[in-house]
Each structure stands twice: as structure tokens, then as C-alpha cells.
């Protein structure tokens, strides 16, 4: 029974800115004790909330007679996928099934688990009431010190729906986009756990959520604060990065030569992590001209933008994105809901892909995350209608290896390659059809959803005893 399995697994796994961008000091900013020798190892913890994730128990499994889309653009008809001990063992045909449970998937598809690079599950959980609204720290335009994971509610019923309805096995949870620098994001495995740490993807880099455009200037301009314009957005960003460069210089010197430790600043810790390449920038941005400005700003201060999110005008600068090794996470056809989202086209993703830029689908929505396969189908259809050749197996990279690369976890998941995590979805038909849904979903080789077994469905504690408990239809 999945609830028993879940509980067992969980037990086993056991200062805002002012308008000018300056920061008020707090107890967390007090200087660390002086050190007489080199400061290496005497600084601060870069991961004070480590992952306690442990995979649920699984069984060796062979999926046979299936159409395999491997997540990296490969396809095998009448193929097989073998996994055991939480890892992909082999993909091909005529595999040795000794000791494995064999599942015949005649007429069905197998893919790697869906990866959603942009979600707010847990931070804006269901039910959607003010008491649960914890995704935007709208007290200053720069709040790089906040971490989305500290708002994640593991009991959000949306996690189970994303797994069962959408085949989502990994997702990035981000702060909202009210602030220029909204805080750290966290990557989680889509499993039920008692704590955020129990979901946290082991070894996944943190992200820094940034935003440009309408949201920050509207939120703070309406309060009579800076920024109130796009030029104000960039000015506050640049001033903050200048402070971060100096902060990094002081800490680098201390860790190399010792002496008196610099004062601690939690926001600057995050930005230092970005400058060192440990934390990946995930930037909310719609307009092409603003994305170009942000990429130049990144060069000025020595950091890299891993991905622009939403990016409805990315098709205009596909060459720049490719040249800067920056991805674009987009919707298939969601646009026009505000001015900066107006100049969009449904061929956006297909054009980016055709020009060699890294592109992917994302949700930014608790319902949309349950049908990302359909969003990819729409984006693919728009490209084909415009005369581009896009195979099913290639389109699936938009849900698999591409978001894995943008999250810095492509060596661990994102495709059905031997040695990677056995995050696997068996679909009951062609996943590019609106009539298709997941039939079985494995996370690290553990079967966490089976459409034919009502007892093997993820149900959060919050849902127990309530109408609609575990209803994923």
C-alpha cells in the first residue's frame, strides 16, 4: 500500500533592502570570530539544510514491447528498458530479464520522468488561500537571502497530482517574480516526505530567481520606491552585483590568507555562490531586448544566466541565447495577459530549437504541470505547421535532458541512459495525445504510481479523510 510505503520511506530517510538597494544589518550579519590562520574551512556552511532524501524500495523491472523515447533524442520501437537498484541498467532489445519483474507494454510508450524547471508547488500550495501564500517576499526588490525551500509545504496535494497526472518526477521550486532578486530556488524529487529536506534532490545546484520587466517596477513603483522603471531595474541589479563582487573579494581573501573574517550577509552569500558558479541564475524575463541587456550585465559582473523563464520573445534572439549558452523555458501558447507578454508566437520553442538554442517547456502553474506532455505536443505541432521537421523523440528532449541541463543535473537524470536515476514513466498510449496519461511512474526505481492500483497512489497527510482524497482522475 502506497501510504504504508511512503511513511516507511520517510521514517527510514530520516533583512530586506531599502529603496536604494542598501541592506539593513541583522544578527545574521555580525562578523564571524577572528581567525589567526588561513580561513579555508573556517567560513560559513554553503549547505546548512542538506538533503535527507532516500529512495523508496524498488524491484528490478523490465519494461518490454514498448516505444522508448530516451529523452536525448533517441527512439526504439518494440524496445525494452531495464532498471534495478534505482538506476537504469540497459535500454534496447533482447535484454536479460533474469530476476526482474516483466511488464509488457504493447502499444505503450516509455519516457524518462518529466522535469518541470519552473514550479511554485509547495510555496503556493493547495488550497490556494492567503495563509498558504509563501512564494513572494515582497518587502524589498532584492531578497537574495530568502530560500524557496523554507516555504515548501511537503503536504501540498499538487505534488501527487503532478506525479500521477503528469509523470513529473523532478521539479524546481522557485520564489515568485515580484523582486529583482527573489531568492534561492530548490530542486526536489517528486516523492512524498515529511520534510522539504526529504524531497531535496541530492547534489542539485541551487538557483537564484531573478526577474526583469513589469513585475518589479510595478510592485515597488506603486510603493514610491526604486525601481519604478526598467532602467531602475537594471540600476538596482548592477549596484547589487557590484556589492557582491566586493563581498566575494573579501571572503576569498579571508579564506586564502586568514585574518579577521568579513561580516556575514546572507543575501551576499547567495550572490557570491552565483559568482563562483555554484548557484545557477534562473531569470524571469519576457522581452528580447531585456534578455539581451541581462546577458551583457552577466558578462560585466562575471556570472552566467542558466535559463530565461517565460521568454515569450526568445525567438527574436535565438542566436544570442545560443552564443551565450543560455536556455529558454517557455510556454506553448500562453501569452497576451500583460503588455510584455503580447508579442509572442506559438512557434517560439520550435524556432529556438531549430536555431540550435537550448529550449524547453515549463509550467509555472499547478494545473499546467499536470499536462506538460500536451504542452510539448502543441509546441511541436506549431513547429510542424510552420514547416519544421520535429520528431517525437526529439520533442521529448524539451521535457527531459534540456531542463536537466539547465538545472545542472543532466549527469543524474533527464534521460534513460545506463547509470542514471531510474525516473521512468509508462504512458498508456502516445504521450503526444490528449487522451494519454501515465499508467505507471517510478522514481529512482520505486513504483510510486500505478493507475490500476488505487492503493498505489500518493496521498498527502493533508488529504486523508477528506472528499477527493487521492483523486487523480
Protein backbone atom coordinates (compact mmCIF):
# COMPACT_ATOMS: atom_id res chain seq x y z
CA UNK A 1 0.00 0.00 0.00
CA UNK A 2 1.50 3.31 -1.03
CA UNK A 3 0.70 5.14 2.22
CA UNK A 4 2.48 2.46 4.21
CA UNK A 5 5.38 2.60 1.79
CA UNK A 6 5.53 6.38 2.00
CA UNK A 7 5.51 6.50 5.79
CA UNK A 8 8.13 3.78 5.99
CA UNK A 9 10.34 5.57 3.49
CA UNK A 10 10.03 8.86 5.32
CA UNK A 11 10.96 7.27 8.64
CA UNK A 12 13.88 5.48 7.07
CA UNK A 13 15.07 8.62 5.36
CA UNK A 14 15.09 10.22 8.41
CA UNK A 15 16.50 41.61 6.04
CA UNK A 16 15.05 43.49 3.31
CA UNK A 17 16.59 46.22 1.06
CA UNK A 18 15.65 49.87 1.22
CA UNK A 19 14.73 51.81 -1.92
CA UNK A 20 18.34 52.42 -2.81
CA UNK A 21 19.36 48.79 -2.63
CA UNK A 22 21.27 49.06 0.68
CA UNK A 23 20.75 46.42 3.32
CA UNK A 24 19.89 46.73 6.97
CA UNK A 25 22.20 44.74 9.23
CA UNK A 26 20.83 41.94 11.36
CA UNK A 27 22.18 39.42 13.81
CA UNK A 28 22.98 37.18 10.85
CA UNK A 29 25.27 39.91 9.51
CA UNK A 30 27.52 40.11 12.59
CA UNK A 31 31.20 39.36 11.88
CA UNK A 32 32.38 35.82 12.41
CA UNK A 33 35.05 35.25 15.06
CA UNK A 34 38.53 36.32 14.01
CA UNK A 35 40.90 33.64 12.79
CA UNK A 36 44.65 33.81 13.09
CA UNK A 37 45.43 31.31 10.36
CA UNK A 38 44.11 30.74 6.84
CA UNK A 39 40.34 30.99 6.67
CA UNK A 40 39.75 27.98 4.45
CA UNK A 41 37.21 25.79 6.15
CA UNK A 42 36.54 28.47 8.76
CA UNK A 43 33.94 30.33 6.75
CA UNK A 44 30.24 29.53 6.58
CA UNK A 45 28.32 26.44 5.54
CA UNK A 46 27.24 26.53 1.91
CA UNK A 47 24.54 23.92 2.54
CA UNK A 48 23.12 24.24 6.05
CA UNK A 49 19.90 22.41 5.11
CA UNK A 50 21.24 19.25 3.43
CA UNK A 51 19.13 16.72 1.60
CA UNK A 52 17.96 13.73 3.61
CA UNK A 53 16.31 12.14 0.57
CA UNK A 54 16.35 8.36 0.43
CA UNK A 55 14.78 6.49 -2.45
CA UNK A 56 11.83 4.25 -1.67
CA UNK A 57 12.35 0.50 -2.09
CA UNK A 58 12.05 -0.75 -5.64
CA UNK A 59 12.23 -4.03 -7.53
CA UNK A 60 14.24 -4.96 -10.64
CA UNK A 61 11.92 -4.24 -13.57
CA UNK A 62 11.94 -4.85 -17.31
CA UNK A 63 9.51 -2.89 -19.47
CA UNK A 64 9.17 -4.70 -22.77
CA UNK A 65 7.49 -4.31 -26.15
CA UNK A 66 7.28 -0.53 -25.74
CA UNK A 67 8.14 2.54 -27.79
CA UNK A 68 11.09 4.13 -25.99
CA UNK A 69 11.79 7.86 -26.18
CA UNK A 70 15.07 8.10 -24.31
CA UNK A 71 14.98 11.84 -23.52
CA UNK A 72 18.09 12.67 -25.55
CA UNK A 73 16.51 12.30 -28.98
CA UNK A 74 16.75 8.53 -29.33
CA UNK A 75 13.88 6.20 -30.15
CA UNK A 76 13.49 2.43 -30.05
CA UNK A 77 10.34 0.79 -31.37
CA UNK A 78 9.42 -2.51 -29.72
CA UNK A 79 12.13 -1.72 -27.21
CA UNK A 80 12.94 -2.61 -23.64
CA UNK A 81 14.03 -0.70 -20.54
CA UNK A 82 15.69 -2.48 -17.62
CA UNK A 83 16.31 -0.89 -14.24
CA UNK A 84 17.33 -2.13 -10.81
CA UNK A 85 18.72 -0.70 -7.58
CA UNK A 86 17.30 2.69 -8.53
CA UNK A 87 19.34 3.02 -11.73
CA UNK A 88 18.82 2.46 -15.44
CA UNK A 89 20.72 -0.70 -16.38
CA UNK A 90 20.08 -1.03 -20.11
CA UNK A 91 17.84 0.19 -22.93
CA UNK A 92 17.48 -1.73 -26.16
CA UNK A 93 16.11 -5.08 -27.29
CA UNK A 94 16.57 -8.69 -26.22
CA UNK A 95 17.73 -7.68 -22.74
CA UNK A 96 18.34 -10.23 -20.00
CA UNK A 97 15.29 -10.17 -17.72
CA UNK A 98 16.67 -12.60 -15.14
CA UNK A 99 15.36 -11.72 -11.68
CA UNK A 100 13.27 -8.80 -12.93
CA UNK A 101 9.53 -8.18 -12.92
CA UNK A 102 8.49 -8.10 -16.58
CA UNK A 103 5.80 -5.65 -17.69
CA UNK A 104 4.50 -5.99 -21.25
CA UNK A 105 3.73 -2.54 -22.62
CA UNK A 106 2.28 -3.45 -26.00
CA UNK A 107 1.13 -0.22 -27.69
CA UNK A 108 2.51 1.98 -24.93
CA UNK A 109 5.38 4.46 -24.60
CA UNK A 110 8.18 4.75 -22.06
CA UNK A 111 9.98 8.01 -21.36
CA UNK A 112 12.18 9.45 -18.64
CA UNK A 113 10.25 11.24 -15.93
CA UNK A 114 9.09 14.74 -16.82
CA UNK A 115 11.19 17.60 -15.41
CA UNK A 116 9.49 20.93 -14.75
CA UNK A 117 12.04 23.71 -14.42
CA UNK A 118 9.51 26.28 -13.19
CA UNK A 119 7.08 25.42 -10.42
CA UNK A 120 5.72 27.02 -7.26
CA UNK A 121 4.23 23.87 -5.76
CA UNK A 122 4.70 23.83 -2.01
CA UNK A 123 5.28 27.61 -1.88
CA UNK A 124 1.82 28.35 -3.30
CA UNK A 125 0.15 25.07 -2.33
CA UNK A 126 -3.43 23.90 -2.50
CA UNK A 127 -5.75 25.03 -1.05
CA UNK A 128 -4.86 28.41 -2.50
CA UNK A 129 -5.56 30.63 0.49
CA UNK A 130 -3.62 33.59 1.87
CA UNK A 131 -2.39 31.54 4.82
CA UNK A 132 -0.52 29.32 2.34
CA UNK A 133 0.82 32.12 0.12
CA UNK A 134 4.55 31.94 0.79
CA UNK A 135 6.24 32.41 -2.58
CA UNK A 136 6.96 36.16 -2.81
CA UNK A 137 8.84 38.10 -0.13
CA UNK A 138 7.58 41.48 -1.34
CA UNK A 139 9.36 43.60 1.26
CA UNK A 140 12.24 44.78 -0.91
CA UNK A 141 13.39 44.50 -4.52
CA UNK A 142 16.43 42.42 -3.55
CA UNK A 143 15.76 39.47 -1.24
CA UNK A 144 18.51 37.10 -2.31
CA UNK A 145 18.73 35.92 1.31
CA UNK A 146 15.41 34.04 1.22
CA UNK A 147 15.24 30.40 0.14
CA UNK A 148 12.15 28.94 -1.52
CA UNK A 149 12.71 25.66 0.29
CA UNK A 150 11.90 27.32 3.61
CA UNK A 151 8.34 27.85 2.39
CA UNK A 152 7.84 24.43 0.78
CA UNK A 153 4.91 22.54 2.32
CA UNK A 154 5.51 18.86 1.56
CA UNK A 155 1.82 18.07 2.06
CA UNK A 156 0.74 20.12 -0.97
CA UNK A 157 -1.69 17.82 -2.86
CA UNK A 158 -0.29 19.29 -6.07
CA UNK A 159 2.81 17.13 -5.83
CA UNK A 160 0.80 13.92 -6.09
CA UNK A 161 -1.29 15.28 -8.96
CA UNK A 162 1.85 16.27 -10.87
CA UNK A 163 3.25 12.76 -10.42
CA UNK A 164 0.11 10.82 -11.29
CA UNK A 165 -1.45 13.05 -13.94
CA UNK A 166 1.71 14.47 -15.47
CA UNK A 167 4.50 11.97 -14.89
CA UNK A 168 6.59 14.70 -13.22
CA UNK A 169 9.43 13.17 -11.22
CA UNK A 170 11.68 16.23 -10.71
CA UNK A 171 10.83 19.92 -10.37
CA UNK A 172 12.44 23.20 -9.48
CA UNK A 173 10.53 25.29 -6.95
CA UNK A 174 11.24 29.00 -7.29
CA UNK A 175 10.33 32.16 -5.40
CA UNK A 176 7.90 34.43 -7.23
CA UNK A 177 8.80 37.22 -9.63
CA UNK A 178 7.88 40.35 -7.68
CA UNK A 179 11.52 41.07 -6.85
CA UNK A 180 14.59 41.69 -8.98
CA UNK A 181 16.38 39.02 -6.97
CA UNK A 182 13.74 36.90 -5.31
CA UNK A 183 15.89 34.32 -3.54
CA UNK A 184 17.13 30.79 -3.96
CA UNK A 185 15.27 28.03 -5.74
CA UNK A 186 15.40 24.35 -4.82
CA UNK A 187 15.23 21.20 -6.95
CA UNK A 188 13.20 18.34 -5.48
CA UNK A 189 12.33 14.77 -6.29
CA UNK A 190 8.57 14.40 -6.57
CA UNK A 191 8.12 12.00 -3.68
CA UNK A 192 6.08 12.20 -0.53
CA UNK A 193 8.14 13.10 2.53
CA UNK A 194 7.61 14.61 5.95
CA UNK A 195 10.08 17.43 5.30
CA UNK A 196 11.42 19.52 2.48
CA UNK A 197 14.86 18.02 3.12
CA UNK A 198 13.34 14.59 2.47
CA UNK A 199 12.38 15.70 -1.05
CA UNK A 200 15.52 17.68 -1.86
CA UNK A 201 17.36 16.38 -4.94
CA UNK A 202 20.79 15.22 -3.73
CA UNK A 203 23.61 17.23 -5.26
CA UNK A 204 21.41 19.53 -7.36
CA UNK A 205 22.71 23.11 -7.52
CA UNK A 206 20.66 25.90 -6.02
CA UNK A 207 19.22 28.53 -8.33
CA UNK A 208 18.88 32.29 -7.93
CA UNK A 209 15.50 33.55 -9.08
CA UNK A 210 15.84 36.91 -10.82
CA UNK A 211 13.19 38.93 -12.63
CA UNK A 212 13.18 41.79 -15.08
CA UNK A 213 10.42 43.78 -16.71
CA UNK A 214 7.00 44.72 -15.46
CA UNK A 215 6.69 42.89 -12.15
CA UNK A 216 9.45 44.51 -10.05
CA UNK A 217 8.86 48.02 -11.37
CA UNK A 218 5.11 47.70 -10.82
CA UNK A 219 5.39 46.27 -7.29
CA UNK A 220 7.90 48.81 -6.00
CA UNK A 221 6.98 51.75 -8.19
CA UNK A 222 3.46 51.54 -6.78
CA UNK A 223 5.02 51.99 -3.33
CA UNK A 224 7.01 55.03 -4.41
CA UNK A 225 10.23 53.06 -4.24
CA UNK A 226 13.01 52.20 -6.64
CA UNK A 227 12.73 50.56 -9.11
CA UNK A 228 9.78 52.13 -10.87
CA UNK A 229 11.20 51.83 -14.40
CA UNK A 230 13.13 49.31 -16.44
CA UNK A 231 16.24 51.47 -16.14
CA UNK A 232 15.69 51.39 -12.39
CA UNK A 233 15.53 47.59 -12.53
CA UNK A 234 18.93 47.40 -14.17
CA UNK A 235 20.46 50.05 -11.90
CA UNK A 236 19.46 48.23 -8.72
CA UNK A 237 20.69 44.93 -10.18
CA UNK A 238 24.07 46.41 -11.14
CA UNK A 239 24.55 48.14 -7.80
CA UNK A 240 23.77 44.88 -6.02
CA UNK A 241 26.16 42.86 -8.18
CA UNK A 242 28.90 45.45 -7.56
CA UNK A 243 28.46 44.90 -3.82
CA UNK A 244 28.50 41.14 -4.36
CA UNK A 245 31.80 41.28 -6.26
CA UNK A 246 33.38 43.18 -3.38
CA UNK A 247 31.86 40.80 -0.82
CA UNK A 248 33.31 37.83 -2.72
CA UNK A 249 36.72 39.52 -2.87
CA UNK A 250 36.79 39.99 0.91
CA UNK A 251 35.74 36.41 1.65
CA UNK A 252 38.13 34.96 -0.94
CA UNK A 253 40.97 36.89 0.70
CA UNK A 254 39.98 35.68 4.16
CA UNK A 255 39.74 32.05 3.06
CA UNK A 256 43.13 32.27 1.38
CA UNK A 257 45.11 34.32 3.91
CA UNK A 258 43.10 34.29 7.13
CA UNK A 259 42.86 37.23 9.48
CA UNK A 260 39.62 38.80 10.64
CA UNK A 261 36.56 37.30 8.99
CA UNK A 262 34.39 39.66 6.93
CA UNK A 263 30.89 40.47 8.12
CA UNK A 264 28.31 37.89 7.11
CA UNK A 265 25.45 38.85 4.77
CA UNK A 266 23.03 36.09 3.77
CA UNK A 267 21.97 37.81 0.55
CA UNK A 268 25.59 38.31 -0.47
CA UNK A 269 26.31 34.65 0.36
CA UNK A 270 23.84 33.70 -2.37
CA UNK A 271 25.28 36.15 -4.89
CA UNK A 272 28.80 35.01 -4.09
CA UNK A 273 27.61 31.48 -4.88
CA UNK A 274 26.40 32.71 -8.26
CA UNK A 275 29.72 34.42 -9.00
CA UNK A 276 31.54 31.20 -8.09
CA UNK A 277 29.31 29.12 -10.39
CA UNK A 278 27.77 27.13 -7.54
CA UNK A 279 24.31 28.70 -7.90
CA UNK A 280 22.56 28.92 -11.28
CA UNK A 281 20.66 32.03 -12.36
CA UNK A 282 17.05 31.34 -13.36
CA UNK A 283 15.76 34.63 -14.79
CA UNK A 284 12.09 35.53 -15.31
CA UNK A 285 12.08 37.72 -18.46
CA UNK A 286 9.69 38.21 -21.38
CA UNK A 287 11.11 40.75 -23.83
CA UNK A 288 14.02 40.06 -26.16
CA UNK A 289 15.69 43.44 -25.57
CA UNK A 290 15.69 42.92 -21.81
CA UNK A 291 17.15 39.44 -22.10
CA UNK A 292 19.98 40.91 -24.20
CA UNK A 293 20.65 43.55 -21.53
CA UNK A 294 20.71 40.90 -18.79
CA UNK A 295 23.24 38.79 -20.71
CA UNK A 296 25.51 41.82 -21.06
CA UNK A 297 25.11 42.57 -17.35
CA UNK A 298 26.10 38.99 -16.58
CA UNK A 299 29.30 39.47 -18.57
CA UNK A 300 30.02 42.74 -16.75
CA UNK A 301 29.98 41.05 -13.35
CA UNK A 302 31.20 37.58 -14.29
CA UNK A 303 28.20 35.30 -13.90
CA UNK A 304 26.13 33.19 -16.27
CA UNK A 305 22.37 33.02 -16.87
CA UNK A 306 21.40 29.36 -16.98
CA UNK A 307 17.89 29.97 -18.31
CA UNK A 308 15.38 32.68 -19.07
CA UNK A 309 11.88 31.71 -17.97
CA UNK A 310 8.69 32.57 -19.89
CA UNK A 311 10.79 34.27 -22.60
CA UNK A 312 7.90 34.86 -24.99
CA UNK A 313 10.15 36.89 -27.32
CA UNK A 314 13.09 34.49 -27.19
CA UNK A 315 12.56 33.61 -30.86
CA UNK A 316 13.91 37.08 -31.72
CA UNK A 317 17.30 36.40 -30.13
CA UNK A 318 17.81 32.66 -30.62
CA UNK A 319 21.32 33.34 -31.91
CA UNK A 320 22.26 35.34 -28.80
CA UNK A 321 20.90 32.66 -26.50
CA UNK A 322 22.89 30.01 -28.33
CA UNK A 323 26.06 32.12 -28.27
CA UNK A 324 25.70 32.71 -24.52
CA UNK A 325 24.85 29.06 -23.77
CA UNK A 326 21.64 30.23 -22.12
CA UNK A 327 18.43 28.21 -22.26
CA UNK A 328 14.85 29.41 -22.65
CA UNK A 329 11.97 27.83 -20.73
CA UNK A 330 8.72 28.76 -22.44
CA UNK A 331 5.03 28.01 -22.74
CA UNK A 332 3.46 26.51 -25.84
CA UNK A 333 0.84 29.22 -26.37
CA UNK A 334 0.23 31.20 -23.19
CA UNK A 335 0.63 34.90 -23.90
CA UNK A 336 -1.14 38.26 -24.11
CA UNK A 337 -2.08 38.50 -20.43
CA UNK A 338 0.08 41.62 -19.96
CA UNK A 339 1.94 44.01 -22.24
CA UNK A 340 5.35 42.33 -22.07
CA UNK A 341 3.68 39.00 -22.90
CA UNK A 342 1.98 40.37 -26.01
CA UNK A 343 4.46 39.84 -28.86
CA UNK A 344 4.53 36.06 -28.74
CA UNK A 345 4.11 33.29 -31.27
CA UNK A 346 3.27 29.59 -30.84
CA UNK A 347 6.35 28.67 -32.90
CA UNK A 348 8.65 30.19 -30.25
CA UNK A 349 10.02 26.92 -28.90
CA UNK A 350 10.36 25.32 -32.33
CA UNK A 351 12.28 28.32 -33.69
CA UNK A 352 14.65 28.31 -30.72
CA UNK A 353 15.26 24.61 -31.23
CA UNK A 354 15.78 24.96 -34.98
CA UNK A 355 18.40 27.68 -34.40
CA UNK A 356 20.32 25.45 -32.01
CA UNK A 357 19.39 27.17 -28.76
CA UNK A 358 18.57 25.15 -25.65
CA UNK A 359 14.80 25.25 -25.19
CA UNK A 360 12.18 23.55 -23.07
CA UNK A 361 8.58 23.65 -21.83
CA UNK A 362 7.73 24.78 -18.31
CA UNK A 363 4.50 25.15 -16.35
CA UNK A 364 4.53 27.96 -13.73
CA UNK A 365 1.11 26.58 -12.84
CA UNK A 366 -0.31 23.92 -10.53
CA UNK A 367 -2.65 22.69 -13.26
CA UNK A 368 -0.32 23.09 -16.22
CA UNK A 369 2.29 20.88 -14.55
CA UNK A 370 -0.19 18.01 -14.88
CA UNK A 371 -0.19 18.14 -18.69
CA UNK A 372 3.26 19.21 -19.83
CA UNK A 373 3.23 16.35 -22.33
CA UNK A 374 0.29 18.07 -24.03
CA UNK A 375 2.13 21.40 -23.99
CA UNK A 376 5.06 19.80 -25.80
CA UNK A 377 2.63 18.28 -28.29
CA UNK A 378 1.20 21.73 -29.03
CA UNK A 379 4.65 23.32 -29.40
CA UNK A 380 5.72 20.51 -31.72
CA UNK A 381 2.54 20.83 -33.79
CA UNK A 382 3.10 24.58 -34.20
CA UNK A 383 6.61 23.96 -35.47
CA UNK A 384 5.49 21.28 -37.91
CA UNK A 385 2.74 23.55 -39.20
CA UNK A 386 5.42 26.18 -39.87
CA UNK A 387 7.38 23.69 -41.97
CA UNK A 388 9.89 22.36 -39.43
CA UNK A 389 10.62 18.68 -39.03
CA UNK A 390 10.36 17.74 -35.35
CA UNK A 391 10.24 14.07 -34.42
CA UNK A 392 8.51 12.82 -31.29
CA UNK A 393 11.79 11.62 -29.86
CA UNK A 394 13.42 15.00 -30.39
CA UNK A 395 10.49 16.94 -28.93
CA UNK A 396 10.72 14.90 -25.73
CA UNK A 397 14.12 16.49 -25.04
CA UNK A 398 12.09 19.62 -24.17
CA UNK A 399 10.79 17.80 -21.09
CA UNK A 400 13.85 15.76 -20.24
CA UNK A 401 17.52 16.37 -20.98
CA UNK A 402 17.19 20.10 -21.74
CA UNK A 403 15.66 21.09 -18.39
CA UNK A 404 18.09 18.70 -16.70
CA UNK A 405 20.97 20.61 -18.29
CA UNK A 406 19.56 23.98 -17.25
CA UNK A 407 19.29 22.69 -13.68
CA UNK A 408 22.78 21.20 -13.59
CA UNK A 409 21.55 17.63 -13.06
CA UNK A 410 21.93 16.13 -16.54
CA UNK A 411 24.57 13.72 -15.24
CA UNK A 412 22.00 12.25 -12.85
CA UNK A 413 18.62 12.31 -14.62
CA UNK A 414 16.86 13.57 -17.74
CA UNK A 415 17.31 10.51 -19.95
CA UNK A 416 17.14 6.73 -19.97
CA UNK A 417 20.88 6.23 -20.11
CA UNK A 418 22.55 3.44 -18.10
CA UNK A 419 23.70 4.64 -14.70
CA UNK A 420 21.19 7.46 -14.40
CA UNK A 421 18.35 7.59 -11.90
CA UNK A 422 15.51 5.28 -12.86
CA UNK A 423 12.92 8.06 -13.13
CA UNK A 424 10.61 6.37 -15.62
CA UNK A 425 7.07 6.82 -16.94
CA UNK A 426 5.00 4.16 -18.71
CA UNK A 427 2.29 6.00 -20.68
CA UNK A 428 -0.92 4.21 -21.64
CA UNK A 429 -0.58 5.42 -25.23
CA UNK A 430 1.23 8.03 -27.29
CA UNK A 431 2.12 10.84 -24.84
CA UNK A 432 1.58 13.45 -27.57
CA UNK A 433 -2.14 12.66 -27.45
CA UNK A 434 -4.60 14.46 -25.16
CA UNK A 435 -6.12 11.06 -24.40
CA UNK A 436 -2.91 9.65 -22.94
CA UNK A 437 -1.89 9.73 -19.30
CA UNK A 438 0.68 7.99 -17.11
CA UNK A 439 -0.09 4.38 -16.31
CA UNK A 440 2.88 3.77 -14.02
CA UNK A 441 5.54 6.12 -12.62
CA UNK A 442 8.81 5.12 -10.99
CA UNK A 443 11.12 7.48 -9.07
CA UNK A 444 14.61 6.09 -8.53
CA UNK A 445 13.25 2.69 -9.50
CA UNK A 446 10.43 2.72 -6.92
CA UNK A 447 6.90 2.37 -8.26
CA UNK A 448 5.07 5.33 -6.73
CA UNK A 449 2.02 5.42 -9.01
CA UNK A 450 0.01 2.68 -10.68
CA UNK A 451 -3.23 3.72 -12.37
CA UNK A 452 -4.58 0.18 -11.99
CA UNK A 453 -3.92 0.00 -8.25
CA UNK A 454 -5.88 2.52 -6.13
CA UNK A 455 -3.65 1.68 -3.17
CA UNK A 456 -0.52 2.77 -5.04
CA UNK A 457 -1.25 6.45 -5.32
CA UNK A 458 0.47 9.27 -3.46
CA UNK A 459 -1.83 10.86 -0.89
CA UNK A 460 -0.61 13.66 1.36
CA UNK A 461 -1.45 13.69 5.06
CA UNK A 462 -3.48 16.84 4.48
CA UNK A 463 -5.88 14.94 2.20
CA UNK A 464 -6.54 11.99 4.48
CA UNK A 465 -10.22 11.62 5.29
CA UNK A 466 -11.27 14.48 3.03
CA UNK A 467 -13.54 14.34 -0.04
CA UNK A 468 -11.48 13.71 -3.16
CA UNK A 469 -8.66 12.05 -1.24
CA UNK A 470 -6.10 10.83 -3.77
CA UNK A 471 -8.40 11.61 -6.70
CA UNK A 472 -6.11 11.98 -9.69
CA UNK A 473 -8.59 11.43 -12.50
